[in-house]
């Protein structure tokens, strides 16, 4: 992963889910993608208006 802070956040989330027994088996790639998308900060959009 490129962003170490996001990697740590996802890792701690998955460890917490596993320790609570909420993960019955291995997660799929699609499940991991959904977790990553839900934890990412929204991108900021900048618009410049020239006068």
PDB file of N, CA and C in Angstrom:
ATOM      1  N   UNK A   1       0.833  -1.179   0.000  1.00  0.00           N
ATOM      2  CA  UNK A   1       0.000   0.000   0.000  1.00  0.00           C
ATOM      3  C   UNK A   1       0.880   1.246   0.000  1.00  0.00           C
ATOM      4  N   UNK A   2       0.391   2.262  -0.617  1.00  0.00           N
ATOM      5  CA  UNK A   2       1.158   3.489  -0.751  1.00  0.00           C
ATOM      6  C   UNK A   2       1.062   4.351   0.506  1.00  0.00           C
ATOM      7  N   UNK A   3      -0.102   4.390   1.124  1.00  0.00           N
ATOM      8  CA  UNK A   3      -0.313   5.248   2.290  1.00  0.00           C
ATOM      9  C   UNK A   3      -0.197   4.415   3.568  1.00  0.00           C
ATOM     10  N   UNK A   4       0.906   4.578   4.319  1.00  0.00           N
ATOM     11  CA  UNK A   4       1.099   3.759   5.520  1.00  0.00           C
ATOM     12  C   UNK A   4       0.044   4.002   6.594  1.00  0.00           C
ATOM     13  N   UNK A   5      -0.457   5.230   6.703  1.00  0.00           N
ATOM     14  CA  UNK A   5      -1.476   5.498   7.718  1.00  0.00           C
ATOM     15  C   UNK A   5      -2.782   4.779   7.395  1.00  0.00           C
ATOM     16  N   UNK A   6      -3.148   4.711   6.112  1.00  0.00           N
ATOM     17  CA  UNK A   6      -4.339   3.976   5.702  1.00  0.00           C
ATOM     18  C   UNK A   6      -4.132   2.475   5.902  1.00  0.00           C
ATOM     19  N   UNK A   7      -2.926   1.992   5.622  1.00  0.00           N
ATOM     20  CA  UNK A   7      -2.625   0.575   5.819  1.00  0.00           C
ATOM     21  C   UNK A   7      -2.764   0.197   7.288  1.00  0.00           C
ATOM     22  N   UNK A   8      -2.261   1.042   8.189  1.00  0.00           N
ATOM     23  CA  UNK A   8      -2.383   0.763   9.621  1.00  0.00           C
ATOM     24  C   UNK A   8      -3.838   0.798  10.061  1.00  0.00           C
ATOM     25  N   UNK A   9      -4.604   1.730   9.539  1.00  0.00           N
ATOM     26  CA  UNK A   9      -6.012   1.841   9.889  1.00  0.00           C
ATOM     27  C   UNK A   9      -6.781   0.589   9.463  1.00  0.00           C
ATOM     28  N   UNK A  10      -6.547   0.136   8.246  1.00  0.00           N
ATOM     29  CA  UNK A  10      -7.225  -1.059   7.737  1.00  0.00           C
ATOM     30  C   UNK A  10      -6.776  -2.294   8.511  1.00  0.00           C
ATOM     31  N   UNK A  11      -5.488  -2.380   8.801  1.00  0.00           N
ATOM     32  CA  UNK A  11      -4.970  -3.524   9.555  1.00  0.00           C
ATOM     33  C   UNK A  11      -5.615  -3.602  10.937  1.00  0.00           C
ATOM     34  N   UNK A  12      -5.686  -2.480  11.632  1.00  0.00           N
ATOM     35  CA  UNK A  12      -6.305  -2.465  12.958  1.00  0.00           C
ATOM     36  C   UNK A  12      -7.792  -2.791  12.881  1.00  0.00           C
ATOM     37  N   UNK A  13      -8.458  -2.319  11.841  1.00  0.00           N
ATOM     38  CA  UNK A  13      -9.873  -2.617  11.649  1.00  0.00           C
ATOM     39  C   UNK A  13     -10.085  -4.120  11.461  1.00  0.00           C
ATOM     40  N   UNK A  14      -9.265  -4.728  10.602  1.00  0.00           N
ATOM     41  CA  UNK A  14      -9.411  -6.158  10.334  1.00  0.00           C
ATOM     42  C   UNK A  14      -9.065  -6.997  11.561  1.00  0.00           C
ATOM     43  N   UNK A  15      -8.057  -6.585  12.319  1.00  0.00           N
ATOM     44  CA  UNK A  15      -7.707  -7.303  13.544  1.00  0.00           C
ATOM     45  C   UNK A  15      -8.855  -7.221  14.542  1.00  0.00           C
ATOM     46  N   UNK A  16      -9.449  -6.045  14.662  1.00  0.00           N
ATOM     47  CA  UNK A  16     -10.588  -5.880  15.562  1.00  0.00           C
ATOM     48  C   UNK A  16     -11.776  -6.733  15.148  1.00  0.00           C
ATOM     49  N   UNK A  17     -12.063  -6.760  13.851  1.00  0.00           N
ATOM     50  CA  UNK A  17     -13.175  -7.576  13.358  1.00  0.00           C
ATOM     51  C   UNK A  17     -12.920  -9.060  13.607  1.00  0.00           C
ATOM     52  N   UNK A  18     -11.681  -9.491  13.396  1.00  0.00           N
ATOM     53  CA  UNK A  18     -11.352 -10.899  13.604  1.00  0.00           C
ATOM     54  C   UNK A  18     -11.423 -11.267  15.083  1.00  0.00           C
ATOM     55  N   UNK A  19     -10.964 -10.386  15.955  1.00  0.00           N
ATOM     56  CA  UNK A  19     -10.979 -10.699  17.385  1.00  0.00           C
ATOM     57  C   UNK A  19     -12.403 -10.712  17.940  1.00  0.00           C
ATOM     58  N   UNK A  20     -13.317  -9.978  17.312  1.00  0.00           N
ATOM     59  CA  UNK A  20     -14.718  -9.984  17.731  1.00  0.00           C
ATOM     60  C   UNK A  20     -15.494 -11.145  17.114  1.00  0.00           C
ATOM     61  N   UNK A  21     -14.846 -11.875  16.221  1.00  0.00           N
ATOM     62  CA  UNK A  21     -15.496 -13.012  15.581  1.00  0.00           C
ATOM     63  C   UNK A  21     -16.409 -12.629  14.432  1.00  0.00           C
ATOM     64  N   UNK A  22     -16.257 -11.432  13.902  1.00  0.00           N
ATOM     65  CA  UNK A  22     -17.119 -10.972  12.815  1.00  0.00           C
ATOM     66  C   UNK A  22     -16.610 -11.404  11.442  1.00  0.00           C
ATOM     67  N   UNK A  23     -15.388 -11.894  11.380  1.00  0.00           N
ATOM     68  CA  UNK A  23     -14.850 -12.416  10.124  1.00  0.00           C
ATOM     69  C   UNK A  23     -14.840 -13.934  10.231  1.00  0.00           C
ATOM     70  N   UNK A  24     -15.728 -14.582   9.494  1.00  0.00           N
ATOM     71  CA  UNK A  24     -15.819 -16.031   9.579  1.00  0.00           C
ATOM     72  C   UNK A  24     -14.717 -16.735   8.812  1.00  0.00           C
ATOM     73  N   UNK A  25     -14.298 -16.147   7.722  1.00  0.00           N
ATOM     74  CA  UNK A  25     -13.264 -16.759   6.892  1.00  0.00           C
ATOM     75  C   UNK A  25     -12.429 -15.652   6.274  1.00  0.00           C
ATOM     76  N   UNK A  26     -11.640 -16.018   5.286  1.00  0.00           N
ATOM     77  CA  UNK A  26     -10.830 -15.010   4.606  1.00  0.00           C
ATOM     78  C   UNK A  26     -11.742 -14.041   3.863  1.00  0.00           C
ATOM     79  N   UNK A  27     -11.309 -12.789   3.788  1.00  0.00           N
ATOM     80  CA  UNK A  27     -12.095 -11.813   3.039  1.00  0.00           C
ATOM     81  C   UNK A  27     -11.654 -11.842   1.579  1.00  0.00           C
ATOM     82  N   UNK A  28     -12.590 -11.538   0.715  1.00  0.00           N
ATOM     83  CA  UNK A  28     -12.285 -11.548  -0.718  1.00  0.00           C
ATOM     84  C   UNK A  28     -11.655 -10.216  -1.123  1.00  0.00           C
ATOM     85  N   UNK A  29     -11.171 -10.170  -2.337  1.00  0.00           N
ATOM     86  CA  UNK A  29     -10.597  -8.931  -2.866  1.00  0.00           C
ATOM     87  C   UNK A  29     -11.648  -7.828  -2.921  1.00  0.00           C
ATOM     88  N   UNK A  30     -12.864  -8.195  -3.295  1.00  0.00           N
ATOM     89  CA  UNK A  30     -13.934  -7.200  -3.380  1.00  0.00           C
ATOM     90  C   UNK A  30     -14.270  -6.633  -2.008  1.00  0.00           C
ATOM     91  N   UNK A  31     -14.279  -7.485  -0.974  1.00  0.00           N
ATOM     92  CA  UNK A  31     -14.544  -7.000   0.379  1.00  0.00           C
ATOM     93  C   UNK A  31     -13.440  -6.050   0.833  1.00  0.00           C
ATOM     94  N   UNK A  32     -12.197  -6.387   0.523  1.00  0.00           N
ATOM     95  CA  UNK A  32     -11.071  -5.528   0.886  1.00  0.00           C
ATOM     96  C   UNK A  32     -11.162  -4.186   0.165  1.00  0.00           C
ATOM     97  N   UNK A  33     -11.544  -4.211  -1.106  1.00  0.00           N
ATOM     98  CA  UNK A  33     -11.707  -2.965  -1.862  1.00  0.00           C
ATOM     99  C   UNK A  33     -12.780  -2.085  -1.232  1.00  0.00           C
ATOM    100  N   UNK A  34     -13.887  -2.696  -0.798  1.00  0.00           N
ATOM    101  CA  UNK A  34     -14.963  -1.926  -0.173  1.00  0.00           C
ATOM    102  C   UNK A  34     -14.504  -1.312   1.146  1.00  0.00           C
ATOM    103  N   UNK A  35     -13.727  -2.058   1.931  1.00  0.00           N
ATOM    104  CA  UNK A  35     -13.192  -1.534   3.194  1.00  0.00           C
ATOM    105  C   UNK A  35     -12.263  -0.359   2.916  1.00  0.00           C
ATOM    106  N   UNK A  36     -11.391  -0.505   1.925  1.00  0.00           N
ATOM    107  CA  UNK A  36     -10.463   0.573   1.581  1.00  0.00           C
ATOM    108  C   UNK A  36     -11.204   1.823   1.117  1.00  0.00           C
ATOM    109  N   UNK A  37     -12.224   1.641   0.293  1.00  0.00           N
ATOM    110  CA  UNK A  37     -12.987   2.796  -0.191  1.00  0.00           C
ATOM    111  C   UNK A  37     -13.733   3.491   0.937  1.00  0.00           C
ATOM    112  N   UNK A  38     -14.233   2.722   1.896  1.00  0.00           N
ATOM    113  CA  UNK A  38     -14.991   3.337   2.988  1.00  0.00           C
ATOM    114  C   UNK A  38     -14.088   4.091   3.955  1.00  0.00           C
ATOM    115  N   UNK A  39     -12.806   3.738   4.020  1.00  0.00           N
ATOM    116  CA  UNK A  39     -11.898   4.375   4.972  1.00  0.00           C
ATOM    117  C   UNK A  39     -11.102   5.527   4.373  1.00  0.00           C
ATOM    118  N   UNK A  40     -11.133   5.690   3.068  1.00  0.00           N
ATOM    119  CA  UNK A  40     -10.369   6.767   2.448  1.00  0.00           C
ATOM    120  C   UNK A  40     -11.046   8.103   2.684  1.00  0.00           C
ATOM    121  N   UNK A  41     -10.233   9.129   2.824  1.00  0.00           N
ATOM    122  CA  UNK A  41     -10.742  10.485   2.968  1.00  0.00           C
ATOM    123  C   UNK A  41     -11.262  10.948   1.610  1.00  0.00           C
ATOM    124  N   UNK A  42     -12.343  11.708   1.609  1.00  0.00           N
ATOM    125  CA  UNK A  42     -12.817  12.228   0.322  1.00  0.00           C
ATOM    126  C   UNK A  42     -11.786  13.169  -0.295  1.00  0.00           C
ATOM    127  N   UNK A  43     -11.647  13.065  -1.594  1.00  0.00           N
ATOM    128  CA  UNK A  43     -10.680  13.914  -2.285  1.00  0.00           C
ATOM    129  C   UNK A  43     -11.228  15.327  -2.383  1.00  0.00           C
ATOM    130  N   UNK A  44     -10.346  16.275  -2.226  1.00  0.00           N
ATOM    131  CA  UNK A  44     -10.737  17.676  -2.329  1.00  0.00           C
ATOM    132  C   UNK A  44     -10.657  18.109  -3.783  1.00  0.00           C
ATOM    133  N   UNK A  45     -11.631  18.876  -4.170  1.00  0.00           N
ATOM    134  CA  UNK A  45     -11.696  19.356  -5.540  1.00  0.00           C
ATOM    135  C   UNK A  45     -11.538  20.873  -5.529  1.00  0.00           C
ATOM    136  N   UNK A  46     -10.582  21.356  -6.282  1.00  0.00           N
ATOM    137  CA  UNK A  46     -10.324  22.786  -6.346  1.00  0.00           C
ATOM    138  C   UNK A  46     -10.703  23.298  -7.724  1.00  0.00           C
ATOM    139  N   UNK A  47     -11.373  24.444  -7.733  1.00  0.00           N
ATOM    140  CA  UNK A  47     -11.712  25.090  -8.997  1.00  0.00           C
ATOM    141  C   UNK A  47     -11.164  26.501  -8.962  1.00  0.00           C
ATOM    142  N   UNK A  48     -10.515  26.876 -10.030  1.00  0.00           N
ATOM    143  CA  UNK A  48      -9.969  28.217 -10.151  1.00  0.00           C
ATOM    144  C   UNK A  48     -10.780  28.971 -11.201  1.00  0.00           C
ATOM    145  N   UNK A  49     -11.209  30.160 -10.840  1.00  0.00           N
ATOM    146  CA  UNK A  49     -11.889  31.016 -11.805  1.00  0.00           C
ATOM    147  C   UNK A  49     -10.989  32.196 -12.115  1.00  0.00           C
ATOM    148  N   UNK A  50     -10.737  32.348 -13.364  1.00  0.00           N
ATOM    149  CA  UNK A  50      -9.881  33.452 -13.796  1.00  0.00           C
ATOM    150  C   UNK A  50     -10.755  34.624 -14.181  1.00  0.00           C
ATOM    151  N   UNK A  51     -10.279  35.785 -13.842  1.00  0.00           N
ATOM    152  CA  UNK A  51     -11.039  36.996 -14.169  1.00  0.00           C
ATOM    153  C   UNK A  51     -10.387  37.759 -15.283  1.00  0.00           C
TER     154      UNK A  51
END
